[in-house]
Amino acid sequence: MDKVIMPKLGPDMESGTIQKWIKKEGDKVAAGDVLLEIMTDKVTMEIEATSSGYLKKIVCAEGEEVPVTTVIGYIGEKNEKIP
């Protein structure tokens, strides 16, 4: 199971807001697919999957402000259990 985390996009970034989830829970994803859009105080950016599998769980909802390095979702195999 791979974690999707809120990335630190700059040295001063402390949090980001989840603008929109492009993929939904249960969707098949490939490494490089756009999972979601986040917004910081300076930019809106697309976040890509770093692994392939299924988006098993979305932990943080659209509109939620999330500290950097926080787990915001999980990607795993179809029958893999969420930790």
PDB file of N, CA and C in Angstrom:
ATOM      1  N   MET A   1       0.858  -1.176   0.000  1.00  0.00           N
ATOM      2  CA  MET A   1       0.000   0.000   0.000  1.00  0.00           C
ATOM      3  C   MET A   1       0.900   1.233   0.000  1.00  0.00           C
ATOM      4  N   ASP A   2       0.655   2.125  -0.925  1.00  0.00           N
ATOM      5  CA  ASP A   2       1.424   3.366  -1.013  1.00  0.00           C
ATOM      6  C   ASP A   2       0.590   4.537  -0.509  1.00  0.00           C
ATOM      7  N   LYS A   3       1.249   5.428   0.186  1.00  0.00           N
ATOM      8  CA  LYS A   3       0.578   6.618   0.713  1.00  0.00           C
ATOM      9  C   LYS A   3       0.661   7.750  -0.299  1.00  0.00           C
ATOM     10  N   VAL A   4      -0.421   8.500  -0.418  1.00  0.00           N
ATOM     11  CA  VAL A   4      -0.424   9.755  -1.171  1.00  0.00           C
ATOM     12  C   VAL A   4      -0.292  10.840  -0.111  1.00  0.00           C
ATOM     13  N   ILE A   5       0.741  11.672  -0.218  1.00  0.00           N
ATOM     14  CA  ILE A   5       0.956  12.697   0.804  1.00  0.00           C
ATOM     15  C   ILE A   5       0.851  14.098   0.201  1.00  0.00           C
ATOM     16  N   MET A   6       0.546  15.048   1.074  1.00  0.00           N
ATOM     17  CA  MET A   6       0.563  16.452   0.668  1.00  0.00           C
ATOM     18  C   MET A   6       2.027  16.838   0.489  1.00  0.00           C
ATOM     19  N   PRO A   7       2.427  17.173  -0.741  1.00  0.00           N
ATOM     20  CA  PRO A   7       3.841  17.477  -0.990  1.00  0.00           C
ATOM     21  C   PRO A   7       4.238  18.858  -0.475  1.00  0.00           C
ATOM     22  N   LYS A   8       5.524  19.009  -0.207  1.00  0.00           N
ATOM     23  CA  LYS A   8       6.089  20.319   0.140  1.00  0.00           C
ATOM     24  C   LYS A   8       6.664  20.884  -1.152  1.00  0.00           C
ATOM     25  N   LEU A   9       5.994  21.871  -1.720  1.00  0.00           N
ATOM     26  CA  LEU A   9       6.348  22.389  -3.037  1.00  0.00           C
ATOM     27  C   LEU A   9       7.329  23.550  -3.001  1.00  0.00           C
ATOM     28  N   GLY A  10       7.640  24.024  -1.813  1.00  0.00           N
ATOM     29  CA  GLY A  10       8.593  25.118  -1.677  1.00  0.00           C
ATOM     30  C   GLY A  10       9.068  25.193  -0.246  1.00  0.00           C
ATOM     31  N   PRO A  11      10.174  25.886  -0.001  1.00  0.00           N
ATOM     32  CA  PRO A  11      10.749  25.929   1.342  1.00  0.00           C
ATOM     33  C   PRO A  11       9.839  26.580   2.384  1.00  0.00           C
ATOM     34  N   ASP A  12       8.943  27.463   1.948  1.00  0.00           N
ATOM     35  CA  ASP A  12       8.066  28.154   2.893  1.00  0.00           C
ATOM     36  C   ASP A  12       6.680  27.525   2.994  1.00  0.00           C
ATOM     37  N   MET A  13       6.414  26.499   2.195  1.00  0.00           N
ATOM     38  CA  MET A  13       5.085  25.886   2.196  1.00  0.00           C
ATOM     39  C   MET A  13       4.881  25.068   3.460  1.00  0.00           C
ATOM     40  N   GLU A  14       3.800  25.370   4.182  1.00  0.00           N
ATOM     41  CA  GLU A  14       3.469  24.634   5.396  1.00  0.00           C
ATOM     42  C   GLU A  14       2.216  23.791   5.231  1.00  0.00           C
ATOM     43  N   SER A  15       1.340  24.177   4.275  1.00  0.00           N
ATOM     44  CA  SER A  15       0.109  23.431   4.043  1.00  0.00           C
ATOM     45  C   SER A  15      -0.395  23.718   2.636  1.00  0.00           C
ATOM     46  N   GLY A  16      -1.346  22.914   2.212  1.00  0.00           N
ATOM     47  CA  GLY A  16      -1.999  23.113   0.927  1.00  0.00           C
ATOM     48  C   GLY A  16      -3.471  22.771   1.069  1.00  0.00           C
ATOM     49  N   THR A  17      -4.288  23.300   0.181  1.00  0.00           N
ATOM     50  CA  THR A  17      -5.721  23.026   0.202  1.00  0.00           C
ATOM     51  C   THR A  17      -6.056  22.102  -0.960  1.00  0.00           C
ATOM     52  N   ILE A  18      -6.800  21.042  -0.663  1.00  0.00           N
ATOM     53  CA  ILE A  18      -7.225  20.131  -1.719  1.00  0.00           C
ATOM     54  C   ILE A  18      -8.330  20.820  -2.505  1.00  0.00           C
ATOM     55  N   GLN A  19      -8.016  21.153  -3.741  1.00  0.00           N
ATOM     56  CA  GLN A  19      -8.943  21.868  -4.613  1.00  0.00           C
ATOM     57  C   GLN A  19      -9.974  20.906  -5.190  1.00  0.00           C
ATOM     58  N   LYS A  20      -9.486  19.788  -5.778  1.00  0.00           N
ATOM     59  CA  LYS A  20     -10.386  18.839  -6.436  1.00  0.00           C
ATOM     60  C   LYS A  20      -9.692  17.492  -6.585  1.00  0.00           C
ATOM     61  N   TRP A  21     -10.387  16.425  -6.221  1.00  0.00           N
ATOM     62  CA  TRP A  21      -9.912  15.078  -6.516  1.00  0.00           C
ATOM     63  C   TRP A  21     -10.339  14.747  -7.939  1.00  0.00           C
ATOM     64  N   ILE A  22      -9.381  14.448  -8.813  1.00  0.00           N
ATOM     65  CA  ILE A  22      -9.662  14.052 -10.191  1.00  0.00           C
ATOM     66  C   ILE A  22     -10.078  12.581 -10.220  1.00  0.00           C
ATOM     67  N   LYS A  23      -9.369  11.751  -9.476  1.00  0.00           N
ATOM     68  CA  LYS A  23      -9.703  10.329  -9.347  1.00  0.00           C
ATOM     69  C   LYS A  23     -10.590  10.146  -8.124  1.00  0.00           C
ATOM     70  N   LYS A  24     -11.439   9.140  -8.175  1.00  0.00           N
ATOM     71  CA  LYS A  24     -12.351   8.819  -7.076  1.00  0.00           C
ATOM     72  C   LYS A  24     -11.923   7.499  -6.438  1.00  0.00           C
ATOM     73  N   GLU A  25     -12.391   7.248  -5.208  1.00  0.00           N
ATOM     74  CA  GLU A  25     -12.089   5.979  -4.551  1.00  0.00           C
ATOM     75  C   GLU A  25     -12.525   4.828  -5.447  1.00  0.00           C
ATOM     76  N   GLY A  26     -11.642   3.840  -5.586  1.00  0.00           N
ATOM     77  CA  GLY A  26     -11.932   2.677  -6.411  1.00  0.00           C
ATOM     78  C   GLY A  26     -11.423   2.791  -7.833  1.00  0.00           C
ATOM     79  N   ASP A  27     -11.046   3.998  -8.266  1.00  0.00           N
ATOM     80  CA  ASP A  27     -10.537   4.185  -9.628  1.00  0.00           C
ATOM     81  C   ASP A  27      -9.167   3.530  -9.787  1.00  0.00           C
ATOM     82  N   LYS A  28      -8.948   2.921 -10.950  1.00  0.00           N
ATOM     83  CA  LYS A  28      -7.630   2.382 -11.297  1.00  0.00           C
ATOM     84  C   LYS A  28      -6.737   3.558 -11.686  1.00  0.00           C
ATOM     85  N   VAL A  29      -5.509   3.554 -11.166  1.00  0.00           N
ATOM     86  CA  VAL A  29      -4.563   4.625 -11.473  1.00  0.00           C
ATOM     87  C   VAL A  29      -3.229   4.034 -11.908  1.00  0.00           C
ATOM     88  N   ALA A  30      -2.537   4.764 -12.749  1.00  0.00           N
ATOM     89  CA  ALA A  30      -1.187   4.393 -13.174  1.00  0.00           C
ATOM     90  C   ALA A  30      -0.236   5.481 -12.698  1.00  0.00           C
ATOM     91  N   ALA A  31       0.999   5.098 -12.450  1.00  0.00           N
ATOM     92  CA  ALA A  31       2.009   6.090 -12.070  1.00  0.00           C
ATOM     93  C   ALA A  31       2.025   7.188 -13.124  1.00  0.00           C
ATOM     94  N   GLY A  32       1.953   8.424 -12.676  1.00  0.00           N
ATOM     95  CA  GLY A  32       1.932   9.567 -13.586  1.00  0.00           C
ATOM     96  C   GLY A  32       0.541  10.127 -13.836  1.00  0.00           C
ATOM     97  N   ASP A  33      -0.514   9.354 -13.494  1.00  0.00           N
ATOM     98  CA  ASP A  33      -1.883   9.875 -13.623  1.00  0.00           C
ATOM     99  C   ASP A  33      -2.097  11.014 -12.632  1.00  0.00           C
ATOM    100  N   VAL A  34      -2.850  12.020 -13.033  1.00  0.00           N
ATOM    101  CA  VAL A  34      -3.193  13.112 -12.123  1.00  0.00           C
ATOM    102  C   VAL A  34      -4.256  12.609 -11.147  1.00  0.00           C
ATOM    103  N   LEU A  35      -3.959  12.711  -9.847  1.00  0.00           N
ATOM    104  CA  LEU A  35      -4.890  12.284  -8.805  1.00  0.00           C
ATOM    105  C   LEU A  35      -5.778  13.420  -8.325  1.00  0.00           C
ATOM    106  N   LEU A  36      -5.161  14.594  -8.121  1.00  0.00           N
ATOM    107  CA  LEU A  36      -5.880  15.707  -7.531  1.00  0.00           C
ATOM    108  C   LEU A  36      -5.192  17.016  -7.853  1.00  0.00           C
ATOM    109  N   GLU A  37      -5.899  18.100  -7.562  1.00  0.00           N
ATOM    110  CA  GLU A  37      -5.335  19.442  -7.673  1.00  0.00           C
ATOM    111  C   GLU A  37      -5.266  20.028  -6.275  1.00  0.00           C
ATOM    112  N   ILE A  38      -4.124  20.645  -5.966  1.00  0.00           N
ATOM    113  CA  ILE A  38      -3.990  21.343  -4.690  1.00  0.00           C
ATOM    114  C   ILE A  38      -3.710  22.813  -4.951  1.00  0.00           C
ATOM    115  N   MET A  39      -4.032  23.625  -3.963  1.00  0.00           N
ATOM    116  CA  MET A  39      -3.793  25.058  -4.058  1.00  0.00           C
ATOM    117  C   MET A  39      -2.950  25.479  -2.861  1.00  0.00           C
ATOM    118  N   THR A  40      -1.908  26.259  -3.151  1.00  0.00           N
ATOM    119  CA  THR A  40      -1.120  26.878  -2.089  1.00  0.00           C
ATOM    120  C   THR A  40      -1.404  28.374  -2.159  1.00  0.00           C
ATOM    121  N   ASP A  41      -0.710  29.151  -1.352  1.00  0.00           N
ATOM    122  CA  ASP A  41      -0.940  30.600  -1.392  1.00  0.00           C
ATOM    123  C   ASP A  41      -0.448  31.215  -2.699  1.00  0.00           C
ATOM    124  N   LYS A  42       0.349  30.469  -3.476  1.00  0.00           N
ATOM    125  CA  LYS A  42       0.920  31.043  -4.694  1.00  0.00           C
ATOM    126  C   LYS A  42       0.489  30.354  -5.987  1.00  0.00           C
ATOM    127  N   VAL A  43       0.075  29.091  -5.924  1.00  0.00           N
ATOM    128  CA  VAL A  43      -0.138  28.337  -7.161  1.00  0.00           C
ATOM    129  C   VAL A  43      -1.152  27.208  -6.964  1.00  0.00           C
ATOM    130  N   THR A  44      -1.826  26.831  -8.060  1.00  0.00           N
ATOM    131  CA  THR A  44      -2.631  25.612  -8.095  1.00  0.00           C
ATOM    132  C   THR A  44      -1.843  24.594  -8.902  1.00  0.00           C
ATOM    133  N   MET A  45      -1.740  23.366  -8.381  1.00  0.00           N
ATOM    134  CA  MET A  45      -0.884  22.365  -9.014  1.00  0.00           C
ATOM    135  C   MET A  45      -1.559  21.008  -9.037  1.00  0.00           C
ATOM    136  N   GLU A  46      -1.303  20.255 -10.116  1.00  0.00           N
ATOM    137  CA  GLU A  46      -1.787  18.884 -10.215  1.00  0.00           C
ATOM    138  C   GLU A  46      -0.787  17.954  -9.533  1.00  0.00           C
ATOM    139  N   ILE A  47      -1.310  17.000  -8.768  1.00  0.00           N
ATOM    140  CA  ILE A  47      -0.472  16.017  -8.085  1.00  0.00           C
ATOM    141  C   ILE A  47      -0.682  14.670  -8.763  1.00  0.00           C
ATOM    142  N   GLU A  48       0.420  14.036  -9.157  1.00  0.00           N
ATOM    143  CA  GLU A  48       0.370  12.772  -9.886  1.00  0.00           C
ATOM    144  C   GLU A  48       0.607  11.585  -8.958  1.00  0.00           C
ATOM    145  N   ALA A  49       0.059  10.444  -9.356  1.00  0.00           N
ATOM    146  CA  ALA A  49       0.309   9.191  -8.647  1.00  0.00           C
ATOM    147  C   ALA A  49       1.772   8.800  -8.834  1.00  0.00           C
ATOM    148  N   THR A  50       2.386   8.308  -7.781  1.00  0.00           N
ATOM    149  CA  THR A  50       3.770   7.844  -7.868  1.00  0.00           C
ATOM    150  C   THR A  50       3.831   6.331  -8.034  1.00  0.00           C
ATOM    151  N   SER A  51       2.667   5.668  -7.961  1.00  0.00           N
ATOM    152  CA  SER A  51       2.609   4.218  -8.140  1.00  0.00           C
ATOM    153  C   SER A  51       1.310   3.856  -8.847  1.00  0.00           C
ATOM    154  N   SER A  52       1.224   2.613  -9.284  1.00  0.00           N
ATOM    155  CA  SER A  52       0.030   2.130  -9.975  1.00  0.00           C
ATOM    156  C   SER A  52      -0.787   1.237  -9.050  1.00  0.00           C
ATOM    157  N   GLY A  53      -2.076   1.157  -9.314  1.00  0.00           N
ATOM    158  CA  GLY A  53      -2.980   0.330  -8.521  1.00  0.00           C
ATOM    159  C   GLY A  53      -4.362   0.944  -8.542  1.00  0.00           C
ATOM    160  N   TYR A  54      -5.000   0.956  -7.392  1.00  0.00           N
ATOM    161  CA  TYR A  54      -6.333   1.534  -7.242  1.00  0.00           C
ATOM    162  C   TYR A  54      -6.301   2.575  -6.135  1.00  0.00           C
ATOM    163  N   LEU A  55      -7.032   3.665  -6.323  1.00  0.00           N
ATOM    164  CA  LEU A  55      -7.158   4.658  -5.256  1.00  0.00           C
ATOM    165  C   LEU A  55      -8.088   4.048  -4.216  1.00  0.00           C
ATOM    166  N   LYS A  56      -7.501   3.503  -3.174  1.00  0.00           N
ATOM    167  CA  LYS A  56      -8.248   2.740  -2.177  1.00  0.00           C
ATOM    168  C   LYS A  56      -9.031   3.625  -1.219  1.00  0.00           C
ATOM    169  N   LYS A  57      -8.437   4.751  -0.830  1.00  0.00           N
ATOM    170  CA  LYS A  57      -9.089   5.600   0.173  1.00  0.00           C
ATOM    171  C   LYS A  57      -8.638   7.032  -0.003  1.00  0.00           C
ATOM    172  N   ILE A  58      -9.600   7.939   0.063  1.00  0.00           N
ATOM    173  CA  ILE A  58      -9.331   9.375   0.129  1.00  0.00           C
ATOM    174  C   ILE A  58      -9.500   9.771   1.589  1.00  0.00           C
ATOM    175  N   VAL A  59      -8.433  10.250   2.192  1.00  0.00           N
ATOM    176  CA  VAL A  59      -8.444  10.575   3.620  1.00  0.00           C
ATOM    177  C   VAL A  59      -8.893  12.014   3.863  1.00  0.00           C
ATOM    178  N   CYS A  60      -8.508  12.935   2.991  1.00  0.00           N
ATOM    179  CA  CYS A  60      -8.810  14.356   3.164  1.00  0.00           C
ATOM    180  C   CYS A  60      -9.712  14.830   2.027  1.00  0.00           C
ATOM    181  N   ALA A  61     -10.742  15.566   2.381  1.00  0.00           N
ATOM    182  CA  ALA A  61     -11.773  15.976   1.427  1.00  0.00           C
ATOM    183  C   ALA A  61     -11.406  17.250   0.673  1.00  0.00           C
ATOM    184  N   GLU A  62     -12.116  17.470  -0.431  1.00  0.00           N
ATOM    185  CA  GLU A  62     -11.964  18.714  -1.191  1.00  0.00           C
ATOM    186  C   GLU A  62     -12.277  19.895  -0.279  1.00  0.00           C
ATOM    187  N   GLY A  63     -11.474  20.946  -0.402  1.00  0.00           N
ATOM    188  CA  GLY A  63     -11.654  22.143   0.410  1.00  0.00           C
ATOM    189  C   GLY A  63     -10.897  22.112   1.724  1.00  0.00           C
ATOM    190  N   GLU A  64     -10.356  20.961   2.078  1.00  0.00           N
ATOM    191  CA  GLU A  64      -9.644  20.818   3.347  1.00  0.00           C
ATOM    192  C   GLU A  64      -8.210  21.327   3.222  1.00  0.00           C
ATOM    193  N   GLU A  65      -7.776  22.125   4.200  1.00  0.00           N
ATOM    194  CA  GLU A  65      -6.378  22.571   4.261  1.00  0.00           C
ATOM    195  C   GLU A  65      -5.592  21.530   5.037  1.00  0.00           C
ATOM    196  N   VAL A  66      -4.479  21.071   4.457  1.00  0.00           N
ATOM    197  CA  VAL A  66      -3.739  19.938   4.996  1.00  0.00           C
ATOM    198  C   VAL A  66      -2.263  20.307   5.150  1.00  0.00           C
ATOM    199  N   PRO A  67      -1.658  20.034   6.320  1.00  0.00           N
ATOM    200  CA  PRO A  67      -0.225  20.282   6.489  1.00  0.00           C
ATOM    201  C   PRO A  67       0.604  19.409   5.541  1.00  0.00           C
ATOM    202  N   VAL A  68       1.765  19.903   5.117  1.00  0.00           N
ATOM    203  CA  VAL A  68       2.646  19.115   4.249  1.00  0.00           C
ATOM    204  C   VAL A  68       3.022  17.810   4.939  1.00  0.00           C
ATOM    205  N   THR A  69       3.292  16.796   4.160  1.00  0.00           N
ATOM    206  CA  THR A  69       3.651  15.427   4.554  1.00  0.00           C
ATOM    207  C   THR A  69       2.501  14.640   5.203  1.00  0.00           C
ATOM    208  N   THR A  70       1.301  15.201   5.256  1.00  0.00           N
ATOM    209  CA  THR A  70       0.140  14.479   5.780  1.00  0.00           C
ATOM    210  C   THR A  70      -0.354  13.484   4.733  1.00  0.00           C
ATOM    211  N   VAL A  71      -0.733  12.283   5.179  1.00  0.00           N
ATOM    212  CA  VAL A  71      -1.314  11.290   4.273  1.00  0.00           C
ATOM    213  C   VAL A  71      -2.712  11.766   3.876  1.00  0.00           C
ATOM    214  N   ILE A  72      -2.937  11.881   2.553  1.00  0.00           N
ATOM    215  CA  ILE A  72      -4.243  12.339   2.062  1.00  0.00           C
ATOM    216  C   ILE A  72      -4.988  11.242   1.301  1.00  0.00           C
ATOM    217  N   GLY A  73      -4.304  10.115   1.041  1.00  0.00           N
ATOM    218  CA  GLY A  73      -4.943   9.001   0.350  1.00  0.00           C
ATOM    219  C   GLY A  73      -4.031   7.788   0.311  1.00  0.00           C
ATOM    220  N   TYR A  74      -4.587   6.672  -0.187  1.00  0.00           N
ATOM    221  CA  TYR A  74      -3.832   5.427  -0.307  1.00  0.00           C
ATOM    222  C   TYR A  74      -4.058   4.810  -1.679  1.00  0.00           C
ATOM    223  N   ILE A  75      -2.993   4.281  -2.273  1.00  0.00           N
ATOM    224  CA  ILE A  75      -3.059   3.528  -3.525  1.00  0.00           C
ATOM    225  C   ILE A  75      -2.583   2.113  -3.224  1.00  0.00           C
ATOM    226  N   GLY A  76      -3.363   1.122  -3.673  1.00  0.00           N
ATOM    227  CA  GLY A  76      -2.976  -0.262  -3.436  1.00  0.00           C
ATOM    228  C   GLY A  76      -3.587  -1.188  -4.468  1.00  0.00           C
ATOM    229  N   GLU A  77      -3.368  -2.468  -4.262  1.00  0.00           N
ATOM    230  CA  GLU A  77      -3.954  -3.481  -5.133  1.00  0.00           C
ATOM    231  C   GLU A  77      -5.451  -3.585  -4.849  1.00  0.00           C
ATOM    232  N   LYS A  78      -6.189  -4.136  -5.802  1.00  0.00           N
ATOM    233  CA  LYS A  78      -7.652  -4.171  -5.720  1.00  0.00           C
ATOM    234  C   LYS A  78      -8.154  -4.786  -4.413  1.00  0.00           C
ATOM    235  N   ASN A  79      -7.565  -5.893  -3.981  1.00  0.00           N
ATOM    236  CA  ASN A  79      -8.044  -6.595  -2.788  1.00  0.00           C
ATOM    237  C   ASN A  79      -7.235  -6.280  -1.535  1.00  0.00           C
ATOM    238  N   GLU A  80      -6.301  -5.344  -1.633  1.00  0.00           N
ATOM    239  CA  GLU A  80      -5.452  -4.993  -0.494  1.00  0.00           C
ATOM    240  C   GLU A  80      -6.250  -4.206   0.541  1.00  0.00           C
ATOM    241  N   LYS A  81      -6.012  -4.531   1.810  1.00  0.00           N
ATOM    242  CA  LYS A  81      -6.700  -3.844   2.908  1.00  0.00           C
ATOM    243  C   LYS A  81      -5.976  -2.542   3.245  1.00  0.00           C
ATOM    244  N   ILE A  82      -6.764  -1.535   3.617  1.00  0.00           N
ATOM    245  CA  ILE A  82      -6.216  -0.236   4.022  1.00  0.00           C
ATOM    246  C   ILE A  82      -5.684  -0.374   5.445  1.00  0.00           C
ATOM    247  N   PRO A  83      -4.473   0.124   5.705  1.00  0.00           N
ATOM    248  CA  PRO A  83      -3.895  -0.018   7.060  1.00  0.00           C
ATOM    249  C   PRO A  83      -4.671   0.765   8.111  1.00  0.00           C
TER     250      PRO A  83
END
